[in-house]
Amino acid sequence: MTVETILKSKGRDTYTIRPDQALIEAADLLAEHRIGATMVCEGSKLVGVLSERDVVRGLNRSRTAALTQPIRMFMSSPVITCDPKDKIKDIMEVMSLRRIRHLPVVRDGQIMGMISIGDVINHRLQQKQMEIAVLRDYAIAVR
């Protein structure tokens, strides 16, 4: 199974913000859309990712002054991305080893979507439930 499988089920909606916008604008975007991270873009170029964790770290470091500071001061960069053709098991390893909860999906420089560790876990859970159902049906059939 590939990342494309997850994108097909969850959708490709993404939200972006510019690196010169204030951190409070990013916090508003995250809260409004109930997302854990957003991509930071200059034009169509992906330059960073800003997560809820980045916002909290910024507030911890600079207190309320962080809210008016530019996102570029808090975003994670360089960006680790994945390709729609990447295998889900490989993405799980990257997310685990790098301690990343959100991965932009990029192909040929074009943003295709974003997946979260929750998306990956949900996909794996559905896969395992399907395997259990097949095994249960097989066990019933051979009785």
Protein backbone atom coordinates (compact mmCIF):
# COMPACT_ATOMS: atom_id res chain seq x y z
CA MET A 1 0.00 0.00 0.00
CA THR A 2 1.14 3.51 -0.78
CA VAL A 3 0.64 7.04 0.49
CA GLU A 4 -1.69 7.59 -2.49
CA THR A 5 -4.12 5.13 -0.87
CA ILE A 6 -4.36 7.32 2.22
CA LEU A 7 -4.80 10.49 0.15
CA LYS A 8 -7.64 8.90 -1.82
CA SER A 9 -9.56 8.09 1.36
CA LYS A 10 -8.86 11.26 3.36
CA GLY A 11 -8.75 13.79 0.56
CA ARG A 12 -6.14 16.20 -0.67
CA ASP A 13 -7.25 19.38 1.07
CA THR A 14 -4.29 21.36 2.35
CA TYR A 15 -3.83 24.68 4.06
CA THR A 16 -0.82 26.89 3.61
CA ILE A 17 0.50 30.05 5.16
CA ARG A 18 3.35 32.41 4.30
CA PRO A 19 6.53 32.56 6.40
CA ASP A 20 6.14 36.32 6.93
CA GLN A 21 2.70 36.00 8.54
CA ALA A 22 2.40 36.29 12.31
CA LEU A 23 2.33 33.19 14.49
CA ILE A 24 -1.15 34.15 15.75
CA GLU A 25 -2.43 33.86 12.17
CA ALA A 26 -1.09 30.32 11.98
CA ALA A 27 -2.69 29.47 15.33
CA ASP A 28 -6.00 30.83 14.02
CA LEU A 29 -5.67 28.73 10.84
CA LEU A 30 -4.91 25.55 12.80
CA ALA A 31 -7.83 26.11 15.16
CA GLU A 32 -10.31 27.13 12.44
CA HIS A 33 -9.65 24.05 10.32
CA ARG A 34 -9.01 21.72 13.25
CA ILE A 35 -5.65 20.61 11.89
CA GLY A 36 -2.38 19.86 13.65
CA ALA A 37 -0.01 21.39 11.11
CA THR A 38 0.11 23.60 8.05
CA MET A 39 2.57 23.95 5.23
CA VAL A 40 4.53 27.17 4.97
CA CYS A 41 4.94 28.33 1.36
CA GLU A 42 6.61 31.20 -0.46
CA GLY A 43 4.52 31.33 -3.61
CA SER A 44 4.22 27.70 -4.67
CA LYS A 45 7.49 26.64 -2.98
CA LEU A 46 7.22 24.63 0.23
CA VAL A 47 9.70 26.13 2.71
CA GLY A 48 8.52 24.76 6.05
CA VAL A 49 5.91 23.08 8.19
CA LEU A 50 4.37 24.67 11.25
CA SER A 51 2.75 22.36 13.78
CA GLU A 52 0.90 22.87 17.04
CA ARG A 53 4.12 21.82 18.78
CA ASP A 54 6.01 24.60 17.01
CA VAL A 55 3.44 27.12 18.23
CA VAL A 56 3.73 25.89 21.82
CA ARG A 57 7.54 25.95 21.68
CA GLY A 58 7.42 29.49 20.31
CA LEU A 59 5.15 30.62 23.13
CA ASN A 60 7.41 28.94 25.66
CA ARG A 61 10.50 30.62 24.24
CA SER A 62 9.16 34.12 23.56
CA ARG A 63 5.93 34.21 25.57
CA THR A 64 3.20 36.41 24.12
CA ALA A 65 5.71 38.31 21.94
CA ALA A 66 5.82 35.16 19.76
CA LEU A 67 2.28 35.78 18.60
CA THR A 68 3.31 38.79 16.50
CA GLN A 69 6.57 37.32 15.24
CA PRO A 70 6.85 35.77 11.75
CA ILE A 71 6.20 32.08 11.28
CA ARG A 72 9.67 31.60 9.76
CA MET A 73 11.09 31.91 13.28
CA PHE A 74 9.15 28.86 14.48
CA MET A 75 8.57 26.58 11.48
CA SER A 76 10.38 23.31 10.92
CA SER A 77 12.75 23.56 7.97
CA PRO A 78 14.10 21.97 5.84
CA VAL A 79 10.94 20.03 5.16
CA ILE A 80 10.87 16.25 5.13
CA THR A 81 8.35 15.12 2.51
CA CYS A 82 7.07 11.93 0.98
CA ASP A 83 5.91 10.90 -2.48
CA PRO A 84 2.44 9.49 -3.26
CA LYS A 85 4.15 6.27 -4.40
CA ASP A 86 6.02 5.76 -1.10
CA LYS A 87 5.06 2.65 0.82
CA ILE A 88 3.11 3.22 4.02
CA LYS A 89 5.46 1.00 6.04
CA ASP A 90 8.39 3.18 4.94
CA ILE A 91 6.53 6.36 5.89
CA MET A 92 5.75 4.91 9.32
CA GLU A 93 9.46 4.35 9.86
CA VAL A 94 10.37 7.90 8.77
CA MET A 95 7.71 9.40 11.03
CA SER A 96 8.82 7.29 13.96
CA LEU A 97 12.58 7.79 13.59
CA ARG A 98 12.32 11.51 12.84
CA ARG A 99 9.55 12.09 15.41
CA ILE A 100 7.38 13.73 12.75
CA ARG A 101 3.60 13.73 12.99
CA HIS A 102 2.84 15.40 9.65
CA LEU A 103 4.39 14.80 6.23
CA PRO A 104 3.67 16.88 3.14
CA VAL A 105 3.11 14.72 0.08
CA VAL A 106 5.03 16.19 -2.85
CA ARG A 107 5.61 14.98 -6.38
CA ASP A 108 7.81 16.84 -8.87
CA GLY A 109 7.77 19.92 -6.64
CA GLN A 110 3.97 20.04 -6.51
CA ILE A 111 2.11 19.67 -3.21
CA MET A 112 -0.30 16.74 -3.42
CA GLY A 113 -1.56 16.76 0.18
CA MET A 114 -0.45 16.11 3.73
CA ILE A 115 -0.68 12.97 5.83
CA SER A 116 -0.53 12.68 9.58
CA ILE A 117 0.50 9.84 11.83
CA GLY A 118 -3.22 9.53 12.68
CA ASP A 119 -4.01 8.96 8.99
CA VAL A 120 -1.37 6.23 8.82
CA ILE A 121 -2.61 4.54 12.00
CA ASN A 122 -6.24 4.66 10.83
CA HIS A 123 -5.24 3.12 7.51
CA ARG A 124 -3.29 0.32 9.19
CA LEU A 125 -6.16 -0.32 11.61
CA GLN A 126 -8.64 -0.66 8.74
CA GLN A 127 -6.22 -3.01 6.99
CA LYS A 128 -5.91 -5.22 10.08
CA GLN A 129 -9.68 -5.27 10.63
CA MET A 130 -10.14 -6.44 7.04
CA GLU A 131 -7.55 -9.19 7.55
CA ILE A 132 -9.34 -10.34 10.72
CA ALA A 133 -12.68 -10.45 8.90
CA VAL A 134 -11.19 -12.55 6.07
CA LEU A 135 -9.61 -14.98 8.55
CA ARG A 136 -12.87 -15.21 10.51
CA ASP A 137 -14.82 -15.96 7.32
CA TYR A 138 -12.25 -18.58 6.35
CA ALA A 139 -12.42 -20.23 9.79
CA ILE A 140 -16.21 -20.38 9.60
CA ALA A 141 -16.11 -21.80 6.05
CA VAL A 142 -13.74 -24.69 6.89
CA ARG A 143 -15.69 -25.92 9.94
